[in-house]
Amino acid sequence: MIVSPTKITYFFLLVLCFACTKSIDTDQLDDASFESTYLFTLVHLSLKAPKFLDEFNQEIPVTSDMVKVPDLDDLSPYLKRAEFTVETENSFNRNFTLNIFFYDINKKLIYTLKPVIIVPAKSGKLSHILTIPENEIKVLDKTHYFGMNISLWHSTSGKLIKATDPSEFILKSSLKLVVNLNKA
């Protein structure tokens, strides 16, 4: 009796299927968790010298901006980490200080993100990552606006900014949210 190669192949596949299977453990799904990251772009500013001067060419020490917060209601229960990334580039011969604030629906201050960012004079591209502490992350539930104050330091040399100054202050910011979607 001659056994064909096809019959031998079927026989080995049959043995392989029954020898290498075990029941599926559906209890493993109870322990499953899925981590995902969301990135929201917030502010992108390019400020030239006239933005730091009033109509009388006097320096304005603080410039502010405010943006509406993306809707986070669906993510809030699963939120594990929130990070602000702030990238700066400063060609002015002056330092800047950046403060990030959180406001409620009535634009009332409810939180100040720490630490304050100091941008040195004539600095190239710098990146700063500020993390909201885990025990304070629920503040995002009440936050409807993010605000940022850009403070211009006084000149150590006494030299003032002029409208024709070619210097530029560039700021980009984003919010990264890490959520953990588990079954429980």
N, C-alpha and C. Protein backbone atom coordinates (compact mmCIF):
# COMPACT_ATOMS: atom_id res chain seq x y z
N MET A 1 0.84 -1.16 0.00
CA MET A 1 0.00 0.00 0.00
C MET A 1 0.89 1.24 0.00
N ILE A 2 0.62 2.12 -0.91
CA ILE A 2 1.39 3.35 -1.05
C ILE A 2 0.55 4.49 -0.48
N VAL A 3 1.20 5.26 0.40
CA VAL A 3 0.53 6.41 1.00
C VAL A 3 0.96 7.66 0.23
N SER A 4 -0.04 8.41 -0.20
CA SER A 4 0.28 9.61 -1.00
C SER A 4 0.78 10.75 -0.10
N PRO A 5 1.58 11.65 -0.66
CA PRO A 5 2.07 12.79 0.11
C PRO A 5 0.93 13.67 0.64
N THR A 6 -0.16 13.73 -0.08
CA THR A 6 -1.29 14.53 0.36
C THR A 6 -1.88 13.96 1.64
N LYS A 7 -2.01 12.63 1.72
CA LYS A 7 -2.56 11.99 2.92
C LYS A 7 -1.61 12.19 4.10
N ILE A 8 -0.32 12.14 3.85
CA ILE A 8 0.66 12.34 4.93
C ILE A 8 0.56 13.78 5.45
N THR A 9 0.42 14.72 4.54
CA THR A 9 0.29 16.13 4.93
C THR A 9 -0.97 16.35 5.77
N TYR A 10 -2.09 15.78 5.34
CA TYR A 10 -3.34 15.91 6.11
C TYR A 10 -3.19 15.29 7.49
N PHE A 11 -2.52 14.15 7.55
CA PHE A 11 -2.32 13.46 8.83
C PHE A 11 -1.50 14.34 9.79
N PHE A 12 -0.40 14.92 9.30
CA PHE A 12 0.44 15.77 10.16
C PHE A 12 -0.30 17.05 10.59
N LEU A 13 -1.08 17.62 9.70
CA LEU A 13 -1.87 18.80 10.07
C LEU A 13 -2.90 18.46 11.14
N LEU A 14 -3.52 17.31 11.01
CA LEU A 14 -4.51 16.87 11.99
C LEU A 14 -3.86 16.65 13.36
N VAL A 15 -2.71 15.99 13.39
CA VAL A 15 -1.98 15.77 14.64
C VAL A 15 -1.53 17.11 15.23
N LEU A 16 -1.04 17.97 14.40
CA LEU A 16 -0.56 19.28 14.86
C LEU A 16 -1.70 20.10 15.47
N CYS A 17 -2.85 20.09 14.84
CA CYS A 17 -3.98 20.87 15.35
C CYS A 17 -4.44 20.38 16.72
N PHE A 18 -4.52 19.10 16.91
CA PHE A 18 -5.00 18.58 18.19
C PHE A 18 -3.92 18.55 19.26
N ALA A 19 -2.69 18.44 18.86
CA ALA A 19 -1.60 18.35 19.84
C ALA A 19 -1.21 19.72 20.38
N CYS A 20 -1.43 20.78 19.64
CA CYS A 20 -0.93 22.10 20.04
C CYS A 20 -2.02 23.07 20.46
N THR A 21 -3.18 22.61 20.77
CA THR A 21 -4.24 23.53 21.17
C THR A 21 -4.57 23.35 22.64
N LYS A 22 -5.01 24.43 23.22
CA LYS A 22 -5.52 24.36 24.58
C LYS A 22 -6.70 25.32 24.64
N SER A 23 -7.47 25.20 25.66
CA SER A 23 -8.66 26.04 25.75
C SER A 23 -8.25 27.50 25.95
N ILE A 24 -9.08 28.39 25.47
CA ILE A 24 -8.82 29.82 25.57
C ILE A 24 -9.16 30.28 26.98
N ASP A 25 -8.26 31.03 27.58
CA ASP A 25 -8.47 31.56 28.93
C ASP A 25 -9.09 32.95 28.81
N THR A 26 -10.42 33.01 28.88
CA THR A 26 -11.11 34.30 28.74
C THR A 26 -10.94 35.18 29.97
N ASP A 27 -10.49 34.62 31.08
CA ASP A 27 -10.26 35.43 32.28
C ASP A 27 -9.12 36.43 32.08
N GLN A 28 -8.25 36.18 31.12
CA GLN A 28 -7.16 37.11 30.84
C GLN A 28 -7.69 38.46 30.37
N LEU A 29 -8.87 38.47 29.75
CA LEU A 29 -9.44 39.73 29.28
C LEU A 29 -9.79 40.67 30.43
N ASP A 30 -10.08 40.10 31.61
CA ASP A 30 -10.39 40.94 32.77
C ASP A 30 -9.19 41.78 33.18
N ASP A 31 -8.00 41.30 32.95
CA ASP A 31 -6.78 42.00 33.34
C ASP A 31 -6.21 42.87 32.23
N ALA A 32 -6.85 42.89 31.08
CA ALA A 32 -6.32 43.63 29.94
C ALA A 32 -6.43 45.13 30.17
N SER A 33 -5.42 45.85 29.72
CA SER A 33 -5.48 47.31 29.76
C SER A 33 -4.83 47.83 28.48
N PHE A 34 -5.36 48.94 28.02
CA PHE A 34 -4.88 49.52 26.78
C PHE A 34 -4.49 50.96 27.06
N GLU A 35 -3.24 51.29 26.79
CA GLU A 35 -2.76 52.65 27.03
C GLU A 35 -2.69 53.37 25.70
N SER A 36 -3.19 54.59 25.70
CA SER A 36 -3.20 55.39 24.49
C SER A 36 -2.74 56.81 24.82
N THR A 37 -2.20 57.49 23.83
CA THR A 37 -1.70 58.85 24.01
C THR A 37 -2.40 59.77 23.03
N TYR A 38 -2.84 60.92 23.54
CA TYR A 38 -3.47 61.94 22.72
C TYR A 38 -2.63 63.20 22.78
N LEU A 39 -2.44 63.84 21.64
CA LEU A 39 -1.63 65.05 21.58
C LEU A 39 -2.48 66.19 21.02
N PHE A 40 -2.57 67.29 21.78
CA PHE A 40 -3.34 68.46 21.37
C PHE A 40 -2.38 69.64 21.20
N THR A 41 -2.39 70.25 20.03
CA THR A 41 -1.60 71.46 19.81
C THR A 41 -2.36 72.63 20.42
N LEU A 42 -1.66 73.46 21.21
CA LEU A 42 -2.34 74.55 21.90
C LEU A 42 -2.02 75.92 21.33
N VAL A 43 -0.78 76.34 21.42
CA VAL A 43 -0.40 77.70 21.02
C VAL A 43 0.84 77.64 20.14
N HIS A 44 0.83 78.45 19.09
CA HIS A 44 2.02 78.65 18.26
C HIS A 44 2.10 80.15 17.99
N LEU A 45 3.07 80.79 18.63
CA LEU A 45 3.24 82.24 18.51
C LEU A 45 4.61 82.57 17.94
N SER A 46 4.63 83.61 17.14
CA SER A 46 5.88 84.18 16.66
C SER A 46 5.77 85.68 16.93
N LEU A 47 6.44 86.12 18.00
CA LEU A 47 6.31 87.50 18.44
C LEU A 47 7.55 88.30 18.07
N LYS A 48 7.34 89.35 17.31
CA LYS A 48 8.43 90.25 16.94
C LYS A 48 8.38 91.48 17.85
N ALA A 49 9.38 92.31 17.76
CA ALA A 49 9.55 93.45 18.67
C ALA A 49 8.29 94.31 18.85
N PRO A 50 7.55 94.67 17.79
CA PRO A 50 6.36 95.52 18.00
C PRO A 50 5.32 94.92 18.95
N LYS A 51 5.28 93.60 19.10
CA LYS A 51 4.32 92.97 20.01
C LYS A 51 4.64 93.27 21.48
N PHE A 52 5.86 93.72 21.76
CA PHE A 52 6.26 94.04 23.12
C PHE A 52 6.30 95.55 23.36
N LEU A 53 5.68 96.31 22.44
CA LEU A 53 5.65 97.77 22.56
C LEU A 53 4.21 98.26 22.48
N ASP A 54 3.90 99.30 23.26
CA ASP A 54 2.57 99.91 23.16
C ASP A 54 2.58 100.98 22.06
N GLU A 55 1.48 101.73 21.96
CA GLU A 55 1.38 102.74 20.90
C GLU A 55 2.36 103.90 21.07
N PHE A 56 2.96 104.01 22.25
CA PHE A 56 3.95 105.07 22.50
C PHE A 56 5.39 104.52 22.47
N ASN A 57 5.54 103.30 21.96
CA ASN A 57 6.82 102.59 21.87
C ASN A 57 7.46 102.34 23.24
N GLN A 58 6.61 102.22 24.26
CA GLN A 58 7.07 101.83 25.59
C GLN A 58 6.93 100.32 25.71
N GLU A 59 7.87 99.69 26.38
CA GLU A 59 7.85 98.23 26.50
C GLU A 59 6.64 97.76 27.32
N ILE A 60 6.03 96.70 26.83
CA ILE A 60 4.94 96.03 27.55
C ILE A 60 5.58 94.86 28.28
N PRO A 61 5.54 94.84 29.60
CA PRO A 61 6.26 93.80 30.34
C PRO A 61 5.62 92.41 30.27
N VAL A 62 4.29 92.34 30.05
CA VAL A 62 3.61 91.04 30.04
C VAL A 62 2.70 90.94 28.83
N THR A 63 2.80 89.85 28.11
CA THR A 63 1.91 89.53 27.00
C THR A 63 1.20 88.24 27.36
N SER A 64 -0.10 88.18 27.12
CA SER A 64 -0.88 87.00 27.51
C SER A 64 -1.61 86.41 26.33
N ASP A 65 -1.92 85.13 26.46
CA ASP A 65 -2.73 84.43 25.47
C ASP A 65 -3.55 83.39 26.21
N MET A 66 -4.74 83.11 25.69
CA MET A 66 -5.62 82.12 26.31
C MET A 66 -6.25 81.28 25.20
N VAL A 67 -6.33 79.97 25.42
CA VAL A 67 -6.95 79.08 24.45
C VAL A 67 -7.97 78.19 25.15
N LYS A 68 -9.00 77.83 24.40
CA LYS A 68 -10.02 76.92 24.93
C LYS A 68 -9.44 75.52 24.99
N VAL A 69 -9.78 74.81 26.05
CA VAL A 69 -9.29 73.45 26.25
C VAL A 69 -10.09 72.50 25.37
N PRO A 70 -9.43 71.52 24.75
CA PRO A 70 -10.18 70.50 24.02
C PRO A 70 -11.11 69.75 24.97
N ASP A 71 -12.21 69.25 24.46
CA ASP A 71 -13.17 68.51 25.28
C ASP A 71 -12.54 67.21 25.77
N LEU A 72 -12.40 67.08 27.09
CA LEU A 72 -11.73 65.92 27.69
C LEU A 72 -12.69 65.03 28.47
N ASP A 73 -14.01 65.30 28.39
CA ASP A 73 -14.97 64.57 29.22
C ASP A 73 -14.88 63.06 29.06
N ASP A 74 -14.75 62.58 27.83
CA ASP A 74 -14.69 61.13 27.61
C ASP A 74 -13.40 60.51 28.13
N LEU A 75 -12.33 61.27 28.18
CA LEU A 75 -11.03 60.74 28.61
C LEU A 75 -10.80 60.87 30.11
N SER A 76 -11.50 61.78 30.73
CA SER A 76 -11.23 62.13 32.13
C SER A 76 -11.16 60.95 33.09
N PRO A 77 -12.09 59.99 33.06
CA PRO A 77 -12.01 58.88 34.03
C PRO A 77 -10.78 57.99 33.83
N TYR A 78 -10.19 58.02 32.67
CA TYR A 78 -9.08 57.12 32.35
C TYR A 78 -7.72 57.82 32.35
N LEU A 79 -7.72 59.11 32.64
CA LEU A 79 -6.51 59.92 32.55
C LEU A 79 -5.47 59.48 33.57
N LYS A 80 -4.27 59.18 33.09
CA LYS A 80 -3.17 58.74 33.96
C LYS A 80 -2.05 59.77 34.05
N ARG A 81 -1.84 60.53 32.98
CA ARG A 81 -0.74 61.49 32.98
C ARG A 81 -1.06 62.62 31.99
N ALA A 82 -0.65 63.83 32.35
CA ALA A 82 -0.82 64.99 31.47
C ALA A 82 0.49 65.77 31.47
N GLU A 83 0.98 66.04 30.27
CA GLU A 83 2.26 66.75 30.12
C GLU A 83 2.09 67.93 29.15
N PHE A 84 2.59 69.07 29.55
CA PHE A 84 2.68 70.22 28.67
C PHE A 84 4.09 70.24 28.09
N THR A 85 4.17 70.37 26.79
CA THR A 85 5.46 70.56 26.14
C THR A 85 5.48 71.98 25.60
N VAL A 86 6.50 72.72 25.98
CA VAL A 86 6.65 74.10 25.53
C VAL A 86 8.01 74.20 24.85
N GLU A 87 8.00 74.59 23.58
CA GLU A 87 9.23 74.80 22.82
C GLU A 87 9.39 76.30 22.59
N THR A 88 10.59 76.79 22.86
CA THR A 88 10.84 78.23 22.70
C THR A 88 12.10 78.47 21.88
N GLU A 89 12.12 79.64 21.27
CA GLU A 89 13.32 80.12 20.59
C GLU A 89 13.33 81.64 20.77
N ASN A 90 14.41 82.16 21.32
CA ASN A 90 14.47 83.58 21.68
C ASN A 90 15.72 84.22 21.07
N SER A 91 15.51 85.16 20.16
CA SER A 91 16.65 85.88 19.59
C SER A 91 16.79 87.29 20.20
N PHE A 92 15.91 87.64 21.14
CA PHE A 92 16.04 88.92 21.85
C PHE A 92 17.23 88.86 22.80
N ASN A 93 17.76 90.02 23.16
CA ASN A 93 18.86 90.05 24.13
C ASN A 93 18.30 90.19 25.55
N ARG A 94 17.11 89.64 25.76
CA ARG A 94 16.42 89.71 27.05
C ARG A 94 15.87 88.34 27.42
N ASN A 95 15.80 88.09 28.71
CA ASN A 95 15.18 86.86 29.22
C ASN A 95 13.66 87.03 29.22
N PHE A 96 12.98 85.89 29.18
CA PHE A 96 11.52 85.85 29.31
C PHE A 96 11.15 84.83 30.38
N THR A 97 10.01 85.05 31.01
CA THR A 97 9.44 84.08 31.94
C THR A 97 8.08 83.67 31.39
N LEU A 98 7.80 82.36 31.41
CA LEU A 98 6.51 81.84 30.96
C LEU A 98 5.78 81.21 32.14
N ASN A 99 4.53 81.60 32.30
CA ASN A 99 3.66 81.00 33.30
C ASN A 99 2.47 80.37 32.59
N ILE A 100 2.07 79.18 33.02
CA ILE A 100 0.91 78.50 32.44
C ILE A 100 -0.17 78.43 33.51
N PHE A 101 -1.38 78.89 33.15
CA PHE A 101 -2.49 78.95 34.08
C PHE A 101 -3.68 78.15 33.54
N PHE A 102 -4.49 77.63 34.45
CA PHE A 102 -5.72 76.93 34.10
C PHE A 102 -6.89 77.77 34.63
N TYR A 103 -7.92 77.91 33.79
CA TYR A 103 -9.08 78.71 34.15
C TYR A 103 -10.36 77.88 34.03
N ASP A 104 -11.36 78.22 34.86
CA ASP A 104 -12.64 77.53 34.79
C ASP A 104 -13.50 78.14 33.68
N ILE A 105 -14.76 77.73 33.63
CA ILE A 105 -15.66 78.18 32.57
C ILE A 105 -15.89 79.69 32.61
N ASN A 106 -15.76 80.30 33.80
CA ASN A 106 -15.93 81.75 33.96
C ASN A 106 -14.62 82.52 33.81
N LYS A 107 -13.60 81.83 33.35
CA LYS A 107 -12.25 82.39 33.17
C LYS A 107 -11.63 82.85 34.48
N LYS A 108 -11.97 82.13 35.55
CA LYS A 108 -11.40 82.38 36.87
C LYS A 108 -10.23 81.42 37.07
N LEU A 109 -9.11 81.94 37.56
CA LEU A 109 -7.90 81.13 37.76
C LEU A 109 -8.17 80.02 38.78
N ILE A 110 -7.84 78.76 38.40
CA ILE A 110 -8.02 77.64 39.33
C ILE A 110 -6.73 76.86 39.58
N TYR A 111 -5.70 77.08 38.74
CA TYR A 111 -4.47 76.30 38.91
C TYR A 111 -3.33 76.99 38.18
N THR A 112 -2.15 76.91 38.77
CA THR A 112 -0.92 77.41 38.14
C THR A 112 0.04 76.25 37.99
N LEU A 113 0.45 75.98 36.77
CA LEU A 113 1.37 74.87 36.51
C LEU A 113 2.78 75.29 36.91
N LYS A 114 3.45 74.45 37.63
CA LYS A 114 4.81 74.72 38.10
C LYS A 114 5.77 73.75 37.44
N PRO A 115 7.01 74.07 37.29
CA PRO A 115 7.67 75.32 37.63
C PRO A 115 7.47 76.36 36.52
N VAL A 116 7.80 77.58 36.86
CA VAL A 116 7.81 78.67 35.89
C VAL A 116 8.96 78.41 34.92
N ILE A 117 8.74 78.70 33.65
CA ILE A 117 9.78 78.48 32.63
C ILE A 117 10.54 79.79 32.42
N ILE A 118 11.85 79.72 32.51
CA ILE A 118 12.69 80.89 32.22
C ILE A 118 13.41 80.63 30.90
N VAL A 119 13.22 81.54 29.96
CA VAL A 119 13.84 81.43 28.63
C VAL A 119 14.98 82.43 28.58
N PRO A 120 16.22 81.96 28.50
CA PRO A 120 17.37 82.87 28.49
C PRO A 120 17.45 83.71 27.21
N ALA A 121 18.11 84.84 27.32
CA ALA A 121 18.33 85.72 26.17
C ALA A 121 19.17 84.99 25.12
N LYS A 122 18.88 85.30 23.87
CA LYS A 122 19.65 84.75 22.73
C LYS A 122 19.76 83.23 22.78
N SER A 123 18.70 82.57 23.22
CA SER A 123 18.74 81.10 23.31
C SER A 123 18.20 80.49 22.02
N GLY A 124 18.77 79.39 21.65
CA GLY A 124 18.28 78.64 20.50
C GLY A 124 17.01 77.91 20.88
N LYS A 125 16.73 76.85 20.18
CA LYS A 125 15.52 76.08 20.47
C LYS A 125 15.68 75.34 21.79
N LEU A 126 14.72 75.55 22.68
CA LEU A 126 14.69 74.87 23.97
C LEU A 126 13.35 74.17 24.11
N SER A 127 13.36 73.03 24.77
CA SER A 127 12.13 72.28 25.01
C SER A 127 11.96 72.07 26.50
N HIS A 128 10.77 72.32 26.99
CA HIS A 128 10.45 72.18 28.41
C HIS A 128 9.22 71.27 28.52
N ILE A 129 9.29 70.28 29.40
CA ILE A 129 8.15 69.40 29.64
C ILE A 129 7.72 69.59 31.09
N LEU A 130 6.46 70.00 31.26
CA LEU A 130 5.89 70.20 32.59
C LEU A 130 4.78 69.18 32.79
N THR A 131 4.89 68.39 33.84
CA THR A 131 3.92 67.34 34.12
C THR A 131 3.02 67.76 35.27
N ILE A 132 1.72 67.56 35.08
CA ILE A 132 0.79 67.80 36.18
C ILE A 132 0.92 66.63 37.14
N PRO A 133 1.19 66.90 38.42
CA PRO A 133 1.32 65.80 39.38
C PRO A 133 0.05 64.94 39.41
N GLU A 134 0.25 63.64 39.60
CA GLU A 134 -0.87 62.70 39.55
C GLU A 134 -1.97 63.05 40.55
N ASN A 135 -1.59 63.55 41.72
CA ASN A 135 -2.60 63.88 42.72
C ASN A 135 -3.36 65.18 42.39
N GLU A 136 -2.94 65.90 41.35
CA GLU A 136 -3.61 67.15 40.96
C GLU A 136 -4.23 67.06 39.57
N ILE A 137 -4.21 65.89 38.97
CA ILE A 137 -4.63 65.76 37.57
C ILE A 137 -6.13 66.01 37.38
N LYS A 138 -6.91 65.84 38.42
CA LYS A 138 -8.36 66.06 38.33
C LYS A 138 -8.72 67.53 38.06
N VAL A 139 -7.74 68.43 38.21
CA VAL A 139 -8.00 69.84 37.92
C VAL A 139 -8.41 70.02 36.45
N LEU A 140 -8.00 69.09 35.60
CA LEU A 140 -8.37 69.17 34.18
C LEU A 140 -9.87 69.03 33.98
N ASP A 141 -10.57 68.37 34.93
CA ASP A 141 -12.03 68.22 34.82
C ASP A 141 -12.73 69.58 34.85
N LYS A 142 -12.19 70.52 35.61
CA LYS A 142 -12.80 71.84 35.77
C LYS A 142 -12.20 72.88 34.83
N THR A 143 -11.15 72.52 34.12
CA THR A 143 -10.44 73.49 33.28
C THR A 143 -11.13 73.64 31.93
N HIS A 144 -11.41 74.89 31.56
CA HIS A 144 -12.01 75.19 30.26
C HIS A 144 -11.09 76.03 29.38
N TYR A 145 -10.08 76.66 30.02
CA TYR A 145 -9.14 77.49 29.27
C TYR A 145 -7.74 77.31 29.84
N PHE A 146 -6.75 77.34 28.95
CA PHE A 146 -5.35 77.42 29.35
C PHE A 146 -4.88 78.83 29.02
N GLY A 147 -4.15 79.42 29.95
CA GLY A 147 -3.61 80.75 29.72
C GLY A 147 -2.10 80.72 29.85
N MET A 148 -1.46 81.65 29.16
CA MET A 148 -0.01 81.73 29.23
C MET A 148 0.39 83.19 29.31
N ASN A 149 1.21 83.52 30.29
CA ASN A 149 1.78 84.86 30.40
C ASN A 149 3.24 84.79 29.99
N ILE A 150 3.63 85.70 29.11
CA ILE A 150 5.01 85.82 28.66
C ILE A 150 5.52 87.14 29.22
N SER A 151 6.44 87.06 30.18
CA SER A 151 6.95 88.26 30.85
C SER A 151 8.34 88.60 30.32
N LEU A 152 8.49 89.83 29.89
CA LEU A 152 9.76 90.35 29.39
C LEU A 152 10.55 90.91 30.56
N TRP A 153 11.77 90.42 30.75
CA TRP A 153 12.61 90.91 31.84
C TRP A 153 13.15 92.29 31.50
N HIS A 154 13.47 93.04 32.54
CA HIS A 154 14.09 94.36 32.35
C HIS A 154 15.49 94.18 31.77
N SER A 155 15.90 95.14 30.99
CA SER A 155 17.23 95.12 30.38
C SER A 155 18.29 95.40 31.44
N THR A 156 19.32 94.57 31.47
CA THR A 156 20.42 94.81 32.41
C THR A 156 21.34 95.93 31.91
N SER A 157 21.31 96.16 30.59
CA SER A 157 22.17 97.20 30.02
C SER A 157 21.44 98.54 29.87
N GLY A 158 20.13 98.53 30.12
CA GLY A 158 19.34 99.75 29.95
C GLY A 158 18.86 99.95 28.53
N LYS A 159 19.25 99.07 27.61
CA LYS A 159 18.85 99.17 26.21
C LYS A 159 17.40 98.69 26.07
N LEU A 160 16.56 99.51 25.44
CA LEU A 160 15.16 99.18 25.25
C LEU A 160 14.92 98.55 23.88
N ILE A 161 13.84 97.82 23.77
CA ILE A 161 13.46 97.23 22.49
C ILE A 161 12.92 98.34 21.60
N LYS A 162 13.27 98.28 20.32
CA LYS A 162 12.78 99.23 19.33
C LYS A 162 11.90 98.49 18.34
N ALA A 163 10.97 99.20 17.74
CA ALA A 163 10.04 98.60 16.78
C ALA A 163 10.78 97.99 15.59
N THR A 164 11.96 98.49 15.27
CA THR A 164 12.73 98.00 14.12
C THR A 164 13.64 96.83 14.48
N ASP A 165 13.65 96.43 15.74
CA ASP A 165 14.49 95.32 16.19
C ASP A 165 14.06 94.04 15.46
N PRO A 166 14.98 93.33 14.80
CA PRO A 166 14.62 92.13 14.04
C PRO A 166 14.44 90.88 14.91
N SER A 167 14.61 90.99 16.21
CA SER A 167 14.52 89.83 17.10
C SER A 167 13.11 89.23 17.10
N GLU A 168 13.07 87.96 17.50
CA GLU A 168 11.80 87.23 17.47
C GLU A 168 11.76 86.25 18.64
N PHE A 169 10.58 86.09 19.21
CA PHE A 169 10.35 85.11 20.27
C PHE A 169 9.32 84.12 19.72
N ILE A 170 9.73 82.85 19.60
CA ILE A 170 8.84 81.82 19.05
C ILE A 170 8.45 80.87 20.17
N LEU A 171 7.17 80.56 20.23
CA LEU A 171 6.66 79.66 21.26
C LEU A 171 5.69 78.67 20.63
N LYS A 172 5.87 77.41 20.93
CA LYS A 172 4.95 76.35 20.51
C LYS A 172 4.61 75.54 21.75
N SER A 173 3.34 75.20 21.91
CA SER A 173 2.98 74.40 23.07
C SER A 173 1.97 73.33 22.67
N SER A 174 2.00 72.25 23.43
CA SER A 174 1.06 71.15 23.20
C SER A 174 0.78 70.46 24.52
N LEU A 175 -0.30 69.72 24.54
CA LEU A 175 -0.71 68.95 25.71
C LEU A 175 -0.76 67.49 25.31
N LYS A 176 -0.05 66.65 26.06
CA LYS A 176 -0.08 65.21 25.81
C LYS A 176 -0.80 64.54 26.98
N LEU A 177 -1.84 63.78 26.65
CA LEU A 177 -2.60 63.05 27.65
C LEU A 177 -2.37 61.56 27.46
N VAL A 178 -2.07 60.88 28.55
CA VAL A 178 -1.90 59.43 28.52
C VAL A 178 -3.09 58.85 29.28
N VAL A 179 -3.84 57.99 28.60
CA VAL A 179 -5.01 57.36 29.21
C VAL A 179 -4.81 55.86 29.24
N ASN A 180 -5.39 55.23 30.24
CA ASN A 180 -5.33 53.78 30.38
C ASN A 180 -6.76 53.26 30.37
N LEU A 181 -7.13 52.62 29.28
CA LEU A 181 -8.48 52.09 29.12
C LEU A 181 -8.48 50.62 29.52
N ASN A 182 -8.87 50.35 30.76
CA ASN A 182 -8.93 48.95 31.18
C ASN A 182 -10.38 48.55 31.35
N LYS A 183 -10.61 47.24 31.37
CA LYS A 183 -11.97 46.71 31.41
C LYS A 183 -12.64 46.98 32.74
N ALA A 184 -11.88 47.01 33.79
CA ALA A 184 -12.47 47.14 35.14
C ALA A 184 -13.15 48.46 35.36
